[in-house]
Amino acid sequence: MEKSIFYHAGCPVCVSAEQDIIHLIGPQKVEVVHLGNDRGRIAEAEAAGVKSVPALLTPAGHVLHINFGASMADVKG
């Protein structure tokens, strides 16, 4: 089973969206990546097309940007 990947940066908007996504999709179907804690995955997120967080990358490779929390430039600091 392929999982969706939920990228976020830990801000209140992101944390709220994380809880909603987990509730909607189910924890077994989504990998949560906190880019503030796992900075090594920023390039991966950008390569997938993530422009801002929170964002959900679907198994089909589509990026769903959810409620603007932070741009990737802000995440990179």
PDB file of N, CA and C in Angstrom:
ATOM      1  N   MET A   1       0.849  -1.179   0.000  1.00  0.00           N
ATOM      2  CA  MET A   1       0.000   0.000   0.000  1.00  0.00           C
ATOM      3  C   MET A   1       0.891   1.237   0.000  1.00  0.00           C
ATOM      4  N   GLU A   2       0.655   2.104  -0.952  1.00  0.00           N
ATOM      5  CA  GLU A   2       1.377   3.365  -0.989  1.00  0.00           C
ATOM      6  C   GLU A   2       0.725   4.348  -0.032  1.00  0.00           C
ATOM      7  N   LYS A   3       1.562   5.162   0.583  1.00  0.00           N
ATOM      8  CA  LYS A   3       1.066   6.165   1.520  1.00  0.00           C
ATOM      9  C   LYS A   3       1.140   7.551   0.902  1.00  0.00           C
ATOM     10  N   SER A   4       0.263   8.416   1.377  1.00  0.00           N
ATOM     11  CA  SER A   4       0.396   9.842   1.104  1.00  0.00           C
ATOM     12  C   SER A   4       1.456  10.362   2.066  1.00  0.00           C
ATOM     13  N   ILE A   5       2.075  11.477   1.726  1.00  0.00           N
ATOM     14  CA  ILE A   5       3.052  12.109   2.621  1.00  0.00           C
ATOM     15  C   ILE A   5       2.541  13.495   2.957  1.00  0.00           C
ATOM     16  N   PHE A   6       2.407  13.761   4.248  1.00  0.00           N
ATOM     17  CA  PHE A   6       1.963  15.057   4.724  1.00  0.00           C
ATOM     18  C   PHE A   6       3.180  15.807   5.232  1.00  0.00           C
ATOM     19  N   TYR A   7       3.547  16.880   4.528  1.00  0.00           N
ATOM     20  CA  TYR A   7       4.687  17.716   4.916  1.00  0.00           C
ATOM     21  C   TYR A   7       4.190  18.914   5.706  1.00  0.00           C
ATOM     22  N   HIS A   8       4.881  19.215   6.804  1.00  0.00           N
ATOM     23  CA  HIS A   8       4.533  20.408   7.561  1.00  0.00           C
ATOM     24  C   HIS A   8       5.755  20.935   8.298  1.00  0.00           C
ATOM     25  N   ALA A   9       5.591  22.105   8.923  1.00  0.00           N
ATOM     26  CA  ALA A   9       6.715  22.754   9.595  1.00  0.00           C
ATOM     27  C   ALA A   9       6.472  22.972  11.087  1.00  0.00           C
ATOM     28  N   GLY A  10       5.391  22.444  11.605  1.00  0.00           N
ATOM     29  CA  GLY A  10       5.157  22.521  13.040  1.00  0.00           C
ATOM     30  C   GLY A  10       4.383  23.724  13.537  1.00  0.00           C
ATOM     31  N   CYS A  11       3.986  24.624  12.643  1.00  0.00           N
ATOM     32  CA  CYS A  11       3.221  25.797  13.071  1.00  0.00           C
ATOM     33  C   CYS A  11       1.803  25.358  13.462  1.00  0.00           C
ATOM     34  N   PRO A  12       1.056  26.204  14.161  1.00  0.00           N
ATOM     35  CA  PRO A  12      -0.296  25.817  14.562  1.00  0.00           C
ATOM     36  C   PRO A  12      -1.201  25.422  13.393  1.00  0.00           C
ATOM     37  N   VAL A  13      -1.100  26.118  12.264  1.00  0.00           N
ATOM     38  CA  VAL A  13      -1.895  25.766  11.085  1.00  0.00           C
ATOM     39  C   VAL A  13      -1.541  24.350  10.630  1.00  0.00           C
ATOM     40  N   CYS A  14      -0.241  24.042  10.610  1.00  0.00           N
ATOM     41  CA  CYS A  14       0.216  22.726  10.166  1.00  0.00           C
ATOM     42  C   CYS A  14      -0.226  21.618  11.110  1.00  0.00           C
ATOM     43  N   VAL A  15      -0.104  21.847  12.396  1.00  0.00           N
ATOM     44  CA  VAL A  15      -0.460  20.832  13.380  1.00  0.00           C
ATOM     45  C   VAL A  15      -1.959  20.539  13.323  1.00  0.00           C
ATOM     46  N   SER A  16      -2.753  21.564  13.173  1.00  0.00           N
ATOM     47  CA  SER A  16      -4.200  21.378  13.044  1.00  0.00           C
ATOM     48  C   SER A  16      -4.530  20.581  11.784  1.00  0.00           C
ATOM     49  N   ALA A  17      -3.899  20.936  10.672  1.00  0.00           N
ATOM     50  CA  ALA A  17      -4.135  20.219   9.411  1.00  0.00           C
ATOM     51  C   ALA A  17      -3.661  18.771   9.522  1.00  0.00           C
ATOM     52  N   GLU A  18      -2.545  18.550  10.217  1.00  0.00           N
ATOM     53  CA  GLU A  18      -2.041  17.183  10.417  1.00  0.00           C
ATOM     54  C   GLU A  18      -3.096  16.319  11.093  1.00  0.00           C
ATOM     55  N   GLN A  19      -3.681  16.819  12.151  1.00  0.00           N
ATOM     56  CA  GLN A  19      -4.697  16.057  12.870  1.00  0.00           C
ATOM     57  C   GLN A  19      -5.906  15.764  11.984  1.00  0.00           C
ATOM     58  N   ASP A  20      -6.322  16.746  11.197  1.00  0.00           N
ATOM     59  CA  ASP A  20      -7.454  16.541  10.289  1.00  0.00           C
ATOM     60  C   ASP A  20      -7.133  15.500   9.217  1.00  0.00           C
ATOM     61  N   ILE A  21      -5.944  15.580   8.645  1.00  0.00           N
ATOM     62  CA  ILE A  21      -5.540  14.636   7.601  1.00  0.00           C
ATOM     63  C   ILE A  21      -5.476  13.217   8.156  1.00  0.00           C
ATOM     64  N   ILE A  22      -4.871  13.062   9.325  1.00  0.00           N
ATOM     65  CA  ILE A  22      -4.787  11.733   9.941  1.00  0.00           C
ATOM     66  C   ILE A  22      -6.186  11.193  10.204  1.00  0.00           C
ATOM     67  N   HIS A  23      -7.072  12.050  10.687  1.00  0.00           N
ATOM     68  CA  HIS A  23      -8.441  11.623  10.960  1.00  0.00           C
ATOM     69  C   HIS A  23      -9.162  11.225   9.665  1.00  0.00           C
ATOM     70  N   LEU A  24      -8.966  11.985   8.593  1.00  0.00           N
ATOM     71  CA  LEU A  24      -9.650  11.713   7.329  1.00  0.00           C
ATOM     72  C   LEU A  24      -9.086  10.506   6.579  1.00  0.00           C
ATOM     73  N   ILE A  25      -7.762  10.427   6.518  1.00  0.00           N
ATOM     74  CA  ILE A  25      -7.113   9.392   5.707  1.00  0.00           C
ATOM     75  C   ILE A  25      -6.821   8.136   6.520  1.00  0.00           C
ATOM     76  N   GLY A  26      -6.454   8.326   7.770  1.00  0.00           N
ATOM     77  CA  GLY A  26      -6.062   7.213   8.633  1.00  0.00           C
ATOM     78  C   GLY A  26      -4.559   7.167   8.789  1.00  0.00           C
ATOM     79  N   PRO A  27      -4.093   6.918  10.003  1.00  0.00           N
ATOM     80  CA  PRO A  27      -2.651   6.947  10.268  1.00  0.00           C
ATOM     81  C   PRO A  27      -1.860   5.910   9.474  1.00  0.00           C
ATOM     82  N   GLN A  28      -2.482   4.826   9.087  1.00  0.00           N
ATOM     83  CA  GLN A  28      -1.786   3.791   8.327  1.00  0.00           C
ATOM     84  C   GLN A  28      -1.593   4.168   6.862  1.00  0.00           C
ATOM     85  N   LYS A  29      -2.270   5.228   6.408  1.00  0.00           N
ATOM     86  CA  LYS A  29      -2.199   5.616   4.994  1.00  0.00           C
ATOM     87  C   LYS A  29      -1.466   6.929   4.761  1.00  0.00           C
ATOM     88  N   VAL A  30      -0.907   7.521   5.827  1.00  0.00           N
ATOM     89  CA  VAL A  30      -0.212   8.798   5.662  1.00  0.00           C
ATOM     90  C   VAL A  30       1.068   8.814   6.496  1.00  0.00           C
ATOM     91  N   GLU A  31       2.142   9.244   5.855  1.00  0.00           N
ATOM     92  CA  GLU A  31       3.406   9.463   6.539  1.00  0.00           C
ATOM     93  C   GLU A  31       3.496  10.953   6.846  1.00  0.00           C
ATOM     94  N   VAL A  32       3.756  11.299   8.081  1.00  0.00           N
ATOM     95  CA  VAL A  32       3.873  12.701   8.475  1.00  0.00           C
ATOM     96  C   VAL A  32       5.355  13.070   8.529  1.00  0.00           C
ATOM     97  N   VAL A  33       5.701  14.143   7.817  1.00  0.00           N
ATOM     98  CA  VAL A  33       7.087  14.626   7.793  1.00  0.00           C
ATOM     99  C   VAL A  33       7.108  16.059   8.308  1.00  0.00           C
ATOM    100  N   HIS A  34       7.719  16.263   9.447  1.00  0.00           N
ATOM    101  CA  HIS A  34       7.892  17.596  10.047  1.00  0.00           C
ATOM    102  C   HIS A  34       9.224  18.130   9.521  1.00  0.00           C
ATOM    103  N   LEU A  35       9.158  19.047   8.560  1.00  0.00           N
ATOM    104  CA  LEU A  35      10.369  19.548   7.902  1.00  0.00           C
ATOM    105  C   LEU A  35      11.254  20.365   8.828  1.00  0.00           C
ATOM    106  N   GLY A  36      10.692  20.890   9.899  1.00  0.00           N
ATOM    107  CA  GLY A  36      11.515  21.592  10.880  1.00  0.00           C
ATOM    108  C   GLY A  36      12.417  20.644  11.643  1.00  0.00           C
ATOM    109  N   ASN A  37      11.943  19.426  11.847  1.00  0.00           N
ATOM    110  CA  ASN A  37      12.718  18.407  12.557  1.00  0.00           C
ATOM    111  C   ASN A  37      13.510  17.516  11.619  1.00  0.00           C
ATOM    112  N   ASP A  38      13.076  17.384  10.384  1.00  0.00           N
ATOM    113  CA  ASP A  38      13.722  16.503   9.414  1.00  0.00           C
ATOM    114  C   ASP A  38      14.112  17.319   8.183  1.00  0.00           C
ATOM    115  N   ARG A  39      15.046  18.244   8.388  1.00  0.00           N
ATOM    116  CA  ARG A  39      15.451  19.181   7.341  1.00  0.00           C
ATOM    117  C   ARG A  39      16.037  18.489   6.112  1.00  0.00           C
ATOM    118  N   GLY A  40      16.505  17.287   6.276  1.00  0.00           N
ATOM    119  CA  GLY A  40      17.059  16.526   5.165  1.00  0.00           C
ATOM    120  C   GLY A  40      16.031  16.162   4.109  1.00  0.00           C
ATOM    121  N   ARG A  41      14.770  16.328   4.418  1.00  0.00           N
ATOM    122  CA  ARG A  41      13.719  15.979   3.465  1.00  0.00           C
ATOM    123  C   ARG A  41      13.126  17.196   2.754  1.00  0.00           C
ATOM    124  N   ILE A  42      13.685  18.387   3.013  1.00  0.00           N
ATOM    125  CA  ILE A  42      13.206  19.594   2.343  1.00  0.00           C
ATOM    126  C   ILE A  42      13.379  19.481   0.826  1.00  0.00           C
ATOM    127  N   ALA A  43      14.546  19.043   0.385  1.00  0.00           N
ATOM    128  CA  ALA A  43      14.803  18.904  -1.059  1.00  0.00           C
ATOM    129  C   ALA A  43      13.834  17.909  -1.693  1.00  0.00           C
ATOM    130  N   GLU A  44      13.527  16.833  -0.989  1.00  0.00           N
ATOM    131  CA  GLU A  44      12.558  15.834  -1.466  1.00  0.00           C
ATOM    132  C   GLU A  44      11.182  16.468  -1.665  1.00  0.00           C
ATOM    133  N   ALA A  45      10.765  17.251  -0.679  1.00  0.00           N
ATOM    134  CA  ALA A  45       9.461  17.915  -0.756  1.00  0.00           C
ATOM    135  C   ALA A  45       9.427  18.884  -1.934  1.00  0.00           C
ATOM    136  N   GLU A  46      10.474  19.676  -2.083  1.00  0.00           N
ATOM    137  CA  GLU A  46      10.531  20.635  -3.196  1.00  0.00           C
ATOM    138  C   GLU A  46      10.536  19.916  -4.541  1.00  0.00           C
ATOM    139  N   ALA A  47      11.280  18.822  -4.648  1.00  0.00           N
ATOM    140  CA  ALA A  47      11.336  18.063  -5.899  1.00  0.00           C
ATOM    141  C   ALA A  47       9.968  17.483  -6.257  1.00  0.00           C
ATOM    142  N   ALA A  48       9.165  17.192  -5.241  1.00  0.00           N
ATOM    143  CA  ALA A  48       7.819  16.663  -5.473  1.00  0.00           C
ATOM    144  C   ALA A  48       6.839  17.752  -5.869  1.00  0.00           C
ATOM    145  N   GLY A  49       7.236  19.032  -5.706  1.00  0.00           N
ATOM    146  CA  GLY A  49       6.371  20.138  -6.091  1.00  0.00           C
ATOM    147  C   GLY A  49       5.765  20.909  -4.941  1.00  0.00           C
ATOM    148  N   VAL A  50       6.209  20.619  -3.724  1.00  0.00           N
ATOM    149  CA  VAL A  50       5.688  21.345  -2.564  1.00  0.00           C
ATOM    150  C   VAL A  50       6.216  22.778  -2.595  1.00  0.00           C
ATOM    151  N   LYS A  51       5.302  23.738  -2.571  1.00  0.00           N
ATOM    152  CA  LYS A  51       5.653  25.160  -2.600  1.00  0.00           C
ATOM    153  C   LYS A  51       5.446  25.826  -1.245  1.00  0.00           C
ATOM    154  N   SER A  52       4.564  25.242  -0.439  1.00  0.00           N
ATOM    155  CA  SER A  52       4.292  25.758   0.897  1.00  0.00           C
ATOM    156  C   SER A  52       3.773  24.602   1.746  1.00  0.00           C
ATOM    157  N   VAL A  53       3.834  24.792   3.028  1.00  0.00           N
ATOM    158  CA  VAL A  53       3.314  23.780   3.944  1.00  0.00           C
ATOM    159  C   VAL A  53       2.219  24.403   4.794  1.00  0.00           C
ATOM    160  N   PRO A  54       1.255  23.616   5.202  1.00  0.00           N
ATOM    161  CA  PRO A  54       1.143  22.173   5.053  1.00  0.00           C
ATOM    162  C   PRO A  54       0.756  21.765   3.634  1.00  0.00           C
ATOM    163  N   ALA A  55       1.229  20.593   3.252  1.00  0.00           N
ATOM    164  CA  ALA A  55       0.922  20.060   1.924  1.00  0.00           C
ATOM    165  C   ALA A  55       0.857  18.539   2.000  1.00  0.00           C
ATOM    166  N   LEU A  56       0.009  17.976   1.185  1.00  0.00           N
ATOM    167  CA  LEU A  56      -0.148  16.530   1.115  1.00  0.00           C
ATOM    168  C   LEU A  56       0.268  16.059  -0.271  1.00  0.00           C
ATOM    169  N   LEU A  57       1.212  15.135  -0.313  1.00  0.00           N
ATOM    170  CA  LEU A  57       1.634  14.503  -1.561  1.00  0.00           C
ATOM    171  C   LEU A  57       0.897  13.176  -1.669  1.00  0.00           C
ATOM    172  N   THR A  58       0.074  13.033  -2.696  1.00  0.00           N
ATOM    173  CA  THR A  58      -0.713  11.818  -2.861  1.00  0.00           C
ATOM    174  C   THR A  58       0.147  10.711  -3.477  1.00  0.00           C
ATOM    175  N   PRO A  59      -0.281   9.454  -3.349  1.00  0.00           N
ATOM    176  CA  PRO A  59       0.462   8.364  -3.981  1.00  0.00           C
ATOM    177  C   PRO A  59       0.595   8.530  -5.500  1.00  0.00           C
ATOM    178  N   ALA A  60      -0.324   9.266  -6.116  1.00  0.00           N
ATOM    179  CA  ALA A  60      -0.266   9.514  -7.562  1.00  0.00           C
ATOM    180  C   ALA A  60       0.721  10.631  -7.914  1.00  0.00           C
ATOM    181  N   GLY A  61       1.310  11.274  -6.890  1.00  0.00           N
ATOM    182  CA  GLY A  61       2.292  12.322  -7.139  1.00  0.00           C
ATOM    183  C   GLY A  61       1.727  13.724  -7.212  1.00  0.00           C
ATOM    184  N   HIS A  62       0.479  13.901  -6.835  1.00  0.00           N
ATOM    185  CA  HIS A  62      -0.151  15.219  -6.829  1.00  0.00           C
ATOM    186  C   HIS A  62       0.082  15.895  -5.486  1.00  0.00           C
ATOM    187  N   VAL A  63       0.397  17.188  -5.524  1.00  0.00           N
ATOM    188  CA  VAL A  63       0.601  17.945  -4.294  1.00  0.00           C
ATOM    189  C   VAL A  63      -0.650  18.769  -4.019  1.00  0.00           C
ATOM    190  N   LEU A  64      -1.213  18.565  -2.848  1.00  0.00           N
ATOM    191  CA  LEU A  64      -2.376  19.327  -2.414  1.00  0.00           C
ATOM    192  C   LEU A  64      -1.902  20.299  -1.341  1.00  0.00           C
ATOM    193  N   HIS A  65      -1.855  21.578  -1.679  1.00  0.00           N
ATOM    194  CA  HIS A  65      -1.458  22.602  -0.713  1.00  0.00           C
ATOM    195  C   HIS A  65      -2.677  22.935   0.145  1.00  0.00           C
ATOM    196  N   ILE A  66      -2.498  22.828   1.447  1.00  0.00           N
ATOM    197  CA  ILE A  66      -3.607  22.959   2.388  1.00  0.00           C
ATOM    198  C   ILE A  66      -3.399  24.208   3.234  1.00  0.00           C
ATOM    199  N   ASN A  67      -4.281  25.189   3.087  1.00  0.00           N
ATOM    200  CA  ASN A  67      -4.238  26.335   3.988  1.00  0.00           C
ATOM    201  C   ASN A  67      -2.810  26.843   4.184  1.00  0.00           C
ATOM    202  N   PHE A  68      -2.473  27.956   3.661  1.00  0.00           N
ATOM    203  CA  PHE A  68      -1.096  28.453   3.694  1.00  0.00           C
ATOM    204  C   PHE A  68      -0.590  28.639   5.117  1.00  0.00           C
ATOM    205  N   GLY A  69       0.490  27.948   5.451  1.00  0.00           N
ATOM    206  CA  GLY A  69       1.135  28.079   6.747  1.00  0.00           C
ATOM    207  C   GLY A  69       2.490  28.755   6.617  1.00  0.00           C
ATOM    208  N   ALA A  70       3.340  28.245   5.697  1.00  0.00           N
ATOM    209  CA  ALA A  70       4.674  28.790   5.486  1.00  0.00           C
ATOM    210  C   ALA A  70       5.171  28.408   4.093  1.00  0.00           C
ATOM    211  N   SER A  71       5.886  29.319   3.460  1.00  0.00           N
ATOM    212  CA  SER A  71       6.500  28.998   2.171  1.00  0.00           C
ATOM    213  C   SER A  71       7.705  28.106   2.413  1.00  0.00           C
ATOM    214  N   MET A  72       8.154  27.437   1.376  1.00  0.00           N
ATOM    215  CA  MET A  72       9.350  26.599   1.519  1.00  0.00           C
ATOM    216  C   MET A  72      10.573  27.471   1.828  1.00  0.00           C
ATOM    217  N   ALA A  73      10.600  28.702   1.335  1.00  0.00           N
ATOM    218  CA  ALA A  73      11.706  29.609   1.668  1.00  0.00           C
ATOM    219  C   ALA A  73      11.738  29.866   3.162  1.00  0.00           C
ATOM    220  N   ASP A  74      10.560  30.021   3.775  1.00  0.00           N
ATOM    221  CA  ASP A  74      10.489  30.215   5.229  1.00  0.00           C
ATOM    222  C   ASP A  74      10.952  28.968   5.957  1.00  0.00           C
ATOM    223  N   VAL A  75      10.578  27.814   5.453  1.00  0.00           N
ATOM    224  CA  VAL A  75      10.967  26.536   6.079  1.00  0.00           C
ATOM    225  C   VAL A  75      12.476  26.376   6.050  1.00  0.00           C
ATOM    226  N   LYS A  76      13.088  26.724   4.910  1.00  0.00           N
ATOM    227  CA  LYS A  76      14.548  26.593   4.778  1.00  0.00           C
ATOM    228  C   LYS A  76      15.295  27.582   5.661  1.00  0.00           C
ATOM    229  N   GLY A  77      14.602  28.685   5.996  1.00  0.00           N
ATOM    230  CA  GLY A  77      15.178  29.682   6.893  1.00  0.00           C
ATOM    231  C   GLY A  77      16.240  30.451   6.261  1.00  0.00           C
TER     232      GLY A  77
END
